[in-house]
C-alpha atoms as a PDB file:
ATOM      1  CA  MET A   1     -41.775  27.562 -48.740  1.00  0.00           C
ATOM      2  CA  SER A   2     -41.083  25.150 -51.638  1.00  0.00           C
ATOM      3  CA  ALA A   3     -37.426  25.068 -50.606  1.00  0.00           C
ATOM      4  CA  ILE A   4     -38.454  23.825 -47.135  1.00  0.00           C
ATOM      5  CA  MET A   5     -40.423  20.971 -48.621  1.00  0.00           C
ATOM      6  CA  ARG A   6     -37.302  19.694 -50.297  1.00  0.00           C
ATOM      7  CA  HIS A   7     -35.566  19.189 -46.910  1.00  0.00           C
ATOM      8  CA  PRO A   8     -37.575  16.690 -44.848  1.00  0.00           C
ATOM      9  CA  LEU A   9     -35.552  17.160 -41.658  1.00  0.00           C
ATOM     10  CA  VAL A  10     -36.106  20.911 -41.671  1.00  0.00           C
ATOM     11  CA  LEU A  11     -39.800  20.390 -42.406  1.00  0.00           C
ATOM     12  CA  PHE A  12     -40.038  17.917 -39.530  1.00  0.00           C
ATOM     13  CA  VAL A  13     -38.553  20.360 -36.992  1.00  0.00           C
ATOM     14  CA  MET A  14     -40.538  23.335 -38.174  1.00  0.00           C
ATOM     15  CA  SER A  15     -43.875  21.476 -38.420  1.00  0.00           C
ATOM     16  CA  PHE A  16     -43.352  19.872 -34.996  1.00  0.00           C
ATOM     17  CA  VAL A  17     -42.644  23.247 -33.369  1.00  0.00           C
ATOM     18  CA  VAL A  18     -45.631  24.855 -35.071  1.00  0.00           C
ATOM     19  CA  MET A  19     -48.017  22.002 -34.174  1.00  0.00           C
ATOM     20  CA  ALA A  20     -46.756  21.865 -30.582  1.00  0.00           C
ATOM     21  CA  ILE A  21     -47.224  25.616 -30.186  1.00  0.00           C
ATOM     22  CA  GLY A  22     -50.780  25.276 -31.600  1.00  0.00           C
ATOM     23  CA  ALA A  23     -51.577  22.554 -29.028  1.00  0.00           C
ATOM     24  CA  TYR A  24     -50.188  24.622 -26.218  1.00  0.00           C
ATOM     25  CA  ILE A  25     -52.186  27.704 -27.271  1.00  0.00           C
ATOM     26  CA  GLY A  26     -55.319  25.611 -27.438  1.00  0.00           C
ATOM     27  CA  ALA A  27     -54.662  24.291 -23.918  1.00  0.00           C
ATOM     28  CA  THR A  28     -53.954  27.676 -22.399  1.00  0.00           C
ATOM     29  CA  VAL A  29     -55.135  30.735 -24.288  1.00  0.00           C
ATOM     30  CA  LEU A  30     -58.282  29.260 -25.802  1.00  0.00           C
ATOM     31  CA  ARG A  31     -59.284  27.473 -22.607  1.00  0.00           C
ATOM     32  CA  ARG A  32     -59.059  30.731 -20.666  1.00  0.00           C
ATOM     33  CA  ARG A  33     -60.944  32.701 -23.291  1.00  0.00           C
ATOM     34  CA  LEU A  34     -63.733  30.138 -23.730  1.00  0.00           C
ATOM     35  CA  LYS A  35     -64.666  28.800 -20.339  1.00  0.00           C
ATOM     36  CA  ASN A  36     -68.164  27.622 -21.120  1.00  0.00           C
ATOM     37  CA  ILE A  37     -67.059  24.788 -23.329  1.00  0.00           C
ATOM     38  CA  ASP A  38     -68.515  22.164 -21.047  1.00  0.00           C
ATOM     39  CA  GLY A  39     -72.000  23.008 -22.200  1.00  0.00           C
ATOM     40  CA  GLY A  40     -71.035  22.134 -25.785  1.00  0.00           C
ATOM     41  CA  ARG A  41     -68.733  19.171 -25.186  1.00  0.00           C
ATOM     42  CA  ASP A  42     -70.580  16.905 -27.546  1.00  0.00           C
ATOM     43  CA  GLY A  43     -70.358  19.488 -30.330  1.00  0.00           C
ATOM     44  CA  LEU A  44     -66.617  19.890 -29.681  1.00  0.00           C
ATOM     45  CA  ASP A  45     -66.039  16.163 -29.890  1.00  0.00           C
ATOM     46  CA  VAL A  46     -67.837  15.965 -33.215  1.00  0.00           C
ATOM     47  CA  VAL A  47     -65.825  18.873 -34.669  1.00  0.00           C
ATOM     48  CA  GLN A  48     -62.577  17.409 -33.324  1.00  0.00           C
ATOM     49  CA  ALA A  49     -63.272  13.956 -34.774  1.00  0.00           C
ATOM     50  CA  ALA A  50     -64.266  15.427 -38.129  1.00  0.00           C
ATOM     51  CA  THR A  51     -61.105  17.576 -38.249  1.00  0.00           C
ATOM     52  CA  LEU A  52     -58.802  14.666 -37.417  1.00  0.00           C
ATOM     53  CA  THR A  53     -60.518  12.486 -39.970  1.00  0.00           C
ATOM     54  CA  LEU A  54     -60.171  15.162 -42.632  1.00  0.00           C
ATOM     55  CA  LEU A  55     -56.448  15.568 -41.694  1.00  0.00           C
ATOM     56  CA  ALA A  56     -55.913  11.812 -41.965  1.00  0.00           C
ATOM     57  CA  LEU A  57     -57.584  11.706 -45.386  1.00  0.00           C
ATOM     58  CA  ILE A  58     -55.542  14.589 -46.788  1.00  0.00           C
ATOM     59  CA  ILE A  59     -52.299  13.128 -45.487  1.00  0.00           C
ATOM     60  CA  GLY A  60     -53.253   9.788 -47.014  1.00  0.00           C
ATOM     61  CA  PHE A  61     -54.012  11.294 -50.390  1.00  0.00           C
ATOM     62  CA  THR A  62     -50.908  13.396 -50.359  1.00  0.00           C
ATOM     63  CA  PHE A  63     -48.821  10.388 -49.440  1.00  0.00           C
ATOM     64  CA  SER A  64     -50.381   8.569 -52.377  1.00  0.00           C
ATOM     65  CA  MET A  65     -49.413  11.483 -54.657  1.00  0.00           C
ATOM     66  CA  ALA A  66     -45.824  11.326 -53.465  1.00  0.00           C
ATOM     67  CA  VAL A  67     -45.564   7.552 -53.948  1.00  0.00           C
ATOM     68  CA  THR A  68     -47.032   7.835 -57.452  1.00  0.00           C
ATOM     69  CA  ARG A  69     -44.463  10.434 -58.422  1.00  0.00           C
ATOM     70  CA  TYR A  70     -41.676   8.286 -56.955  1.00  0.00           C
ATOM     71  CA  ASP A  71     -42.854   5.259 -58.988  1.00  0.00           C
ATOM     72  CA  GLN A  72     -43.057   7.404 -62.092  1.00  0.00           C
ATOM     73  CA  ARG A  73     -39.416   8.484 -61.648  1.00  0.00           C
ATOM     74  CA  LYS A  74     -38.382   4.827 -61.271  1.00  0.00           C
ATOM     75  CA  ASN A  75     -40.282   3.859 -64.414  1.00  0.00           C
ATOM     76  CA  TYR A  76     -38.648   6.629 -66.448  1.00  0.00           C
ATOM     77  CA  GLU A  77     -35.219   5.578 -65.169  1.00  0.00           C
ATOM     78  CA  GLU A  78     -35.942   2.086 -66.534  1.00  0.00           C
ATOM     79  CA  GLU A  79     -37.132   3.527 -69.819  1.00  0.00           C
ATOM     80  CA  GLU A  80     -33.973   5.622 -70.138  1.00  0.00           C
ATOM     81  CA  ALA A  81     -31.817   2.592 -69.631  1.00  0.00           C
ATOM     82  CA  ASN A  82     -33.747   0.628 -72.242  1.00  0.00           C
ATOM     83  CA  ALA A  83     -33.576   3.513 -74.741  1.00  0.00           C
ATOM     84  CA  ILE A  84     -29.838   3.990 -74.283  1.00  0.00           C
ATOM     85  CA  GLY A  85     -29.148   0.306 -74.515  1.00  0.00           C
ATOM     86  CA  THR A  86     -31.244  -0.005 -77.696  1.00  0.00           C
ATOM     87  CA  ALA A  87     -29.564   3.002 -79.297  1.00  0.00           C
ATOM     88  CA  TYR A  88     -26.198   1.504 -78.402  1.00  0.00           C
ATOM     89  CA  LEU A  89     -26.963  -1.754 -80.126  1.00  0.00           C
ATOM     90  CA  ARG A  90     -28.514  -0.049 -83.212  1.00  0.00           C
ATOM     91  CA  SER A  91     -25.452   2.164 -83.581  1.00  0.00           C
ATOM     92  CA  GLY A  92     -23.625  -1.032 -84.574  1.00  0.00           C
ATOM     93  CA  LEU A  93     -25.625  -0.926 -87.804  1.00  0.00           C
ATOM     94  CA  LEU A  94     -23.622   2.131 -88.900  1.00  0.00           C
ATOM     95  CA  PRO A  95     -20.321   1.962 -90.721  1.00  0.00           C
ATOM     96  CA  ALA A  96     -17.386   1.109 -88.474  1.00  0.00           C
ATOM     97  CA  ALA A  97     -16.095   4.626 -87.908  1.00  0.00           C
ATOM     98  CA  GLU A  98     -19.482   6.160 -87.256  1.00  0.00           C
ATOM     99  CA  ALA A  99     -20.442   3.209 -85.027  1.00  0.00           C
ATOM    100  CA  ARG A 100     -17.382   3.670 -82.785  1.00  0.00           C
ATOM    101  CA  SER A 101     -17.981   7.397 -82.522  1.00  0.00           C
ATOM    102  CA  MET A 102     -21.666   7.059 -81.624  1.00  0.00           C
ATOM    103  CA  LYS A 103     -21.016   4.229 -79.141  1.00  0.00           C
ATOM    104  CA  LYS A 104     -18.434   6.422 -77.380  1.00  0.00           C
ATOM    105  CA  LEU A 105     -20.857   9.307 -77.201  1.00  0.00           C
ATOM    106  CA  LEU A 106     -23.571   7.077 -75.831  1.00  0.00           C
ATOM    107  CA  ARG A 107     -21.294   5.659 -73.217  1.00  0.00           C
ATOM    108  CA  LEU A 108     -20.406   9.182 -72.063  1.00  0.00           C
ATOM    109  CA  TYR A 109     -24.064  10.063 -72.110  1.00  0.00           C
ATOM    110  CA  LEU A 110     -24.896   7.075 -69.949  1.00  0.00           C
ATOM    111  CA  ASP A 111     -22.336   8.178 -67.329  1.00  0.00           C
ATOM    112  CA  LEU A 112     -23.900  11.623 -67.297  1.00  0.00           C
ATOM    113  CA  ARG A 113     -27.377  10.162 -66.692  1.00  0.00           C
ATOM    114  CA  ILE A 114     -26.113   8.128 -63.768  1.00  0.00           C
ATOM    115  CA  ARG A 115     -24.479  11.203 -62.285  1.00  0.00           C
ATOM    116  CA  TYR A 116     -27.802  13.079 -62.743  1.00  0.00           C
ATOM    117  CA  TYR A 117     -29.629  10.592 -60.559  1.00  0.00           C
ATOM    118  CA  GLN A 118     -26.921  10.542 -57.934  1.00  0.00           C
ATOM    119  CA  ALA A 119     -26.425  14.343 -57.734  1.00  0.00           C
ATOM    120  CA  ARG A 120     -27.583  16.025 -54.562  1.00  0.00           C
ATOM    121  CA  SER A 121     -26.912  19.733 -55.039  1.00  0.00           C
ATOM    122  CA  ASP A 122     -28.556  22.134 -57.441  1.00  0.00           C
ATOM    123  CA  GLN A 123     -25.173  23.272 -58.681  1.00  0.00           C
ATOM    124  CA  ALA A 124     -24.135  19.776 -59.605  1.00  0.00           C
ATOM    125  CA  VAL A 125     -27.483  19.201 -61.380  1.00  0.00           C
ATOM    126  CA  ALA A 126     -27.083  22.386 -63.372  1.00  0.00           C
ATOM    127  CA  GLN A 127     -23.615  21.379 -64.522  1.00  0.00           C
ATOM    128  CA  ILE A 128     -24.809  17.868 -65.470  1.00  0.00           C
ATOM    129  CA  ASN A 129     -27.779  19.299 -67.377  1.00  0.00           C
ATOM    130  CA  ALA A 130     -25.482  21.640 -69.359  1.00  0.00           C
ATOM    131  CA  ALA A 131     -23.115  18.810 -70.248  1.00  0.00           C
ATOM    132  CA  THR A 132     -26.111  16.527 -71.071  1.00  0.00           C
ATOM    133  CA  GLY A 133     -27.602  19.142 -73.451  1.00  0.00           C
ATOM    134  CA  GLN A 134     -24.273  19.514 -75.311  1.00  0.00           C
ATOM    135  CA  LEU A 135     -23.853  15.765 -75.589  1.00  0.00           C
ATOM    136  CA  GLN A 136     -27.430  15.392 -76.884  1.00  0.00           C
ATOM    137  CA  ASN A 137     -26.613  17.840 -79.642  1.00  0.00           C
ATOM    138  CA  ASP A 138     -23.507  15.842 -80.562  1.00  0.00           C
ATOM    139  CA  LEU A 139     -25.484  12.586 -80.590  1.00  0.00           C
ATOM    140  CA  TRP A 140     -28.259  14.007 -82.807  1.00  0.00           C
ATOM    141  CA  LYS A 141     -25.739  15.520 -85.172  1.00  0.00           C
ATOM    142  CA  ALA A 142     -24.052  12.144 -85.519  1.00  0.00           C
ATOM    143  CA  ALA A 143     -27.414  10.489 -86.233  1.00  0.00           C
ATOM    144  CA  GLN A 144     -28.363  13.251 -88.631  1.00  0.00           C
ATOM    145  CA  ILE A 145     -25.108  12.922 -90.617  1.00  0.00           C
ATOM    146  CA  ALA A 146     -25.643   9.196 -90.913  1.00  0.00           C
ATOM    147  CA  ALA A 147     -29.223   9.725 -92.094  1.00  0.00           C
ATOM    148  CA  MET A 148     -28.147  12.216 -94.718  1.00  0.00           C
ATOM    149  CA  GLU A 149     -25.472   9.932 -96.088  1.00  0.00           C
ATOM    150  CA  GLN A 150     -27.680   6.775 -96.219  1.00  0.00           C
ATOM    151  CA  GLN A 151     -31.417   7.176 -96.243  1.00  0.00           C
ATOM    152  CA  THR A 152     -32.300   3.545 -95.636  1.00  0.00           C
ATOM    153  CA  ALA A 153     -34.605   1.643 -93.319  1.00  0.00           C
ATOM    154  CA  VAL A 154     -31.611   0.535 -91.254  1.00  0.00           C
ATOM    155  CA  ILE A 155     -30.434   4.081 -90.662  1.00  0.00           C
ATOM    156  CA  ALA A 156     -34.030   5.018 -89.823  1.00  0.00           C
ATOM    157  CA  LEU A 157     -33.853   2.505 -86.975  1.00  0.00           C
ATOM    158  CA  VAL A 158     -30.721   4.251 -85.635  1.00  0.00           C
ATOM    159  CA  VAL A 159     -32.337   7.639 -85.808  1.00  0.00           C
ATOM    160  CA  SER A 160     -35.491   6.366 -84.146  1.00  0.00           C
ATOM    161  CA  GLY A 161     -33.459   4.842 -81.324  1.00  0.00           C
ATOM    162  CA  MET A 162     -31.620   8.150 -80.804  1.00  0.00           C
ATOM    163  CA  ASN A 163     -34.905  10.042 -80.777  1.00  0.00           C
ATOM    164  CA  ASP A 164     -36.099   7.710 -77.956  1.00  0.00           C
ATOM    165  CA  VAL A 165     -32.948   8.503 -75.964  1.00  0.00           C
ATOM    166  CA  LEU A 166     -33.642  12.233 -76.137  1.00  0.00           C
ATOM    167  CA  ASN A 167     -37.363  11.831 -75.417  1.00  0.00           C
ATOM    168  CA  THR A 168     -36.915   9.701 -72.299  1.00  0.00           C
ATOM    169  CA  GLN A 169     -34.519  12.262 -70.841  1.00  0.00           C
ATOM    170  CA  GLY A 170     -37.169  14.892 -71.311  1.00  0.00           C
ATOM    171  CA  TYR A 171     -39.788  12.726 -69.615  1.00  0.00           C
ATOM    172  CA  THR A 172     -37.380  12.087 -66.690  1.00  0.00           C
ATOM    173  CA  GLN A 173     -36.679  15.787 -66.293  1.00  0.00           C
ATOM    174  CA  ALA A 174     -40.361  16.615 -66.239  1.00  0.00           C
ATOM    175  CA  SER A 175     -41.051  13.941 -63.568  1.00  0.00           C
ATOM    176  CA  TRP A 176     -38.272  15.295 -61.345  1.00  0.00           C
ATOM    177  CA  TRP A 177     -39.734  18.819 -61.608  1.00  0.00           C
ATOM    178  CA  ASN A 178     -43.218  17.540 -60.696  1.00  0.00           C
ATOM    179  CA  HIS A 179     -43.791  17.914 -56.960  1.00  0.00           C
ATOM    180  CA  ILE A 180     -46.749  18.097 -54.612  1.00  0.00           C
ATOM    181  CA  PRO A 181     -48.326  21.581 -54.989  1.00  0.00           C
ATOM    182  CA  ILE A 182     -47.710  24.167 -52.330  1.00  0.00           C
ATOM    183  CA  THR A 183     -51.466  24.634 -51.897  1.00  0.00           C
ATOM    184  CA  ALA A 184     -51.746  21.000 -50.815  1.00  0.00           C
ATOM    185  CA  TRP A 185     -48.978  21.506 -48.288  1.00  0.00           C
ATOM    186  CA  SER A 186     -50.588  24.689 -47.024  1.00  0.00           C
ATOM    187  CA  LEU A 187     -53.926  22.970 -46.564  1.00  0.00           C
ATOM    188  CA  MET A 188     -52.371  20.082 -44.663  1.00  0.00           C
ATOM    189  CA  ILE A 189     -50.422  22.428 -42.344  1.00  0.00           C
ATOM    190  CA  ALA A 190     -53.494  24.602 -41.721  1.00  0.00           C
ATOM    191  CA  ILE A 191     -55.687  21.582 -40.862  1.00  0.00           C
ATOM    192  CA  GLY A 192     -52.950  20.050 -38.740  1.00  0.00           C
ATOM    193  CA  LEU A 193     -52.604  23.298 -36.787  1.00  0.00           C
ATOM    194  CA  PHE A 194     -56.313  23.566 -36.233  1.00  0.00           C
ATOM    195  CA  SER A 195     -56.427  19.909 -35.136  1.00  0.00           C
ATOM    196  CA  ASN A 196     -53.757  20.563 -32.507  1.00  0.00           C
ATOM    197  CA  LEU A 197     -55.618  23.688 -31.270  1.00  0.00           C
ATOM    198  CA  LEU A 198     -58.717  21.484 -30.704  1.00  0.00           C
ATOM    199  CA  ILE A 199     -56.706  18.775 -29.025  1.00  0.00           C
ATOM    200  CA  GLY A 200     -55.135  21.253 -26.617  1.00  0.00           C
ATOM    201  CA  TYR A 201     -58.439  22.952 -25.987  1.00  0.00           C
ATOM    202  CA  SER A 202     -60.203  19.714 -25.086  1.00  0.00           C
ATOM    203  CA  LEU A 203     -57.403  18.341 -22.926  1.00  0.00           C
ATOM    204  CA  HIS A 204     -58.251  17.670 -19.260  1.00  0.00           C
ATOM    205  CA  GLY A 205     -55.917  18.075 -16.361  1.00  0.00           C
ATOM    206  CA  ASN A 206     -52.730  20.052 -15.873  1.00  0.00           C
ATOM    207  CA  VAL A 207     -51.196  21.358 -19.118  1.00  0.00           C
ATOM    208  CA  LYS A 208     -47.658  21.831 -17.818  1.00  0.00           C
ATOM    209  CA  GLY A 209     -45.554  18.735 -18.471  1.00  0.00           C
ATOM    210  CA  ASN A 210     -48.399  16.903 -20.224  1.00  0.00           C
ATOM    211  CA  VAL A 211     -46.695  14.835 -22.907  1.00  0.00           C
ATOM    212  CA  VAL A 212     -50.061  14.215 -24.612  1.00  0.00           C
ATOM    213  CA  LEU A 213     -49.738  17.624 -26.151  1.00  0.00           C
ATOM    214  CA  LEU A 214     -46.679  16.426 -28.042  1.00  0.00           C
ATOM    215  CA  VAL A 215     -48.110  13.153 -29.390  1.00  0.00           C
ATOM    216  CA  LEU A 216     -50.164  14.590 -32.256  1.00  0.00           C
ATOM    217  CA  PRO A 217     -47.533  17.169 -33.278  1.00  0.00           C
ATOM    218  CA  LEU A 218     -44.954  14.372 -33.431  1.00  0.00           C
ATOM    219  CA  VAL A 219     -47.163  12.143 -35.534  1.00  0.00           C
ATOM    220  CA  ILE A 220     -48.133  14.912 -37.926  1.00  0.00           C
ATOM    221  CA  ALA A 221     -44.543  16.158 -38.271  1.00  0.00           C
ATOM    222  CA  SER A 222     -43.297  12.630 -38.970  1.00  0.00           C
ATOM    223  CA  SER A 223     -46.008  12.206 -41.617  1.00  0.00           C
ATOM    224  CA  PHE A 224     -45.068  15.517 -43.289  1.00  0.00           C
ATOM    225  CA  ALA A 225     -41.376  14.583 -43.245  1.00  0.00           C
ATOM    226  CA  LEU A 226     -42.024  11.206 -44.808  1.00  0.00           C
ATOM    227  CA  ILE A 227     -44.152  12.677 -47.605  1.00  0.00           C
ATOM    228  CA  ALA A 228     -41.533  15.380 -48.297  1.00  0.00           C
ATOM    229  CA  ASP A 229     -38.764  12.780 -48.275  1.00  0.00           C
ATOM    230  CA  ILE A 230     -40.529  10.647 -50.924  1.00  0.00           C
ATOM    231  CA  ASP A 231     -41.403  13.690 -52.963  1.00  0.00           C
ATOM    232  CA  SER A 232     -37.860  15.120 -52.935  1.00  0.00           C
ATOM    233  CA  PRO A 233     -35.433  12.601 -54.375  1.00  0.00           C
ATOM    234  CA  ARG A 234     -32.359  14.782 -53.697  1.00  0.00           C
ATOM    235  CA  GLY A 235     -33.127  16.288 -50.310  1.00  0.00           C
ATOM    236  CA  GLY A 236     -33.861  13.408 -48.007  1.00  0.00           C
ATOM    237  CA  TRP A 237     -32.952   9.867 -47.035  1.00  0.00           C
ATOM    238  CA  ILE A 238     -35.123   8.106 -49.575  1.00  0.00           C
ATOM    239  CA  THR A 239     -33.261   8.370 -52.861  1.00  0.00           C
ATOM    240  CA  LEU A 240     -33.766   6.946 -56.286  1.00  0.00           C
ATOM    241  CA  THR A 241     -30.806   4.709 -57.211  1.00  0.00           C
ATOM    242  CA  PRO A 242     -30.420   4.297 -61.033  1.00  0.00           C
ATOM    243  CA  ILE A 243     -30.016   0.562 -60.804  1.00  0.00           C
ATOM    244  CA  ASN A 244     -30.971  -0.038 -64.457  1.00  0.00           C
ATOM    245  CA  LEU A 245     -28.566   2.594 -65.789  1.00  0.00           C
ATOM    246  CA  ILE A 246     -25.745   1.293 -63.567  1.00  0.00           C
ATOM    247  CA  ALA A 247     -26.407  -2.305 -64.727  1.00  0.00           C
ATOM    248  CA  LEU A 248     -26.329  -1.106 -68.323  1.00  0.00           C
ATOM    249  CA  ALA A 249     -23.052   0.723 -67.711  1.00  0.00           C
ATOM    250  CA  HIS A 250     -21.518  -2.476 -66.256  1.00  0.00           C
ATOM    251  CA  SER A 251     -22.650  -4.471 -69.244  1.00  0.00           C
ATOM    252  CA  LEU A 252     -21.151  -2.025 -71.699  1.00  0.00           C
ATOM    253  CA  GLY A 253     -17.837  -1.666 -69.901  1.00  0.00           C
ATOM    254  CA  PRO A 254     -15.882   1.544 -69.274  1.00  0.00           C
ATOM    255  CA  ALA A 255     -16.201   4.536 -71.556  1.00  0.00           C
ATOM    256  CA  GLY A 256     -13.686   4.442 -74.266  1.00  0.00           C
END
């Protein structure tokens, strides 16, 4: 189920079909089974209004969760760019040979981070993560060697900057793994299905060809797709462009 939530278009189609079937069942099967509903019409209206209100609240809260996670990913991208830029500048405090080597590694690392944000497939992400881990080891070894040779306050600044580079990557990774829980999705889908059953059950007139049965499924499916799109940076149309990392790369020039 979690894989479906990463593909907003698939989720839209599936949720629309499920909600539409629920509305049709409510308008046909339930209406035939429960014919004495007119005596409790007021009670039905109250339950229907409460169910739709609860659905709207849950969709609103879930949308807020998705937007918060999206903003968090943007903030960490900015922090990564700042950390890499600071480490690049501080590497100039090292002796000439070590400075050139570390700057080259940082420039390669910056390119990898940009590719990470732009990657769309799991295979590409796995390859980028493997290369990033190896490059992080090389960067830390370079900082460690410099610290062992000269244990000064200036070298401590370089090591501290490198530590920030590694930490921000970890924060970014955690934020990209953090998605809306499956239980929240399950609850939304269940309440949406129940709402459509009630809508179909309370519908007056001929059911066949009644487009009213498709209105609520369409609205709910669109809401689910938008939430999934925001919550899945790689699977939908709303992507997170690493504008700060790209700007930093342009300012540093091509990797040497």
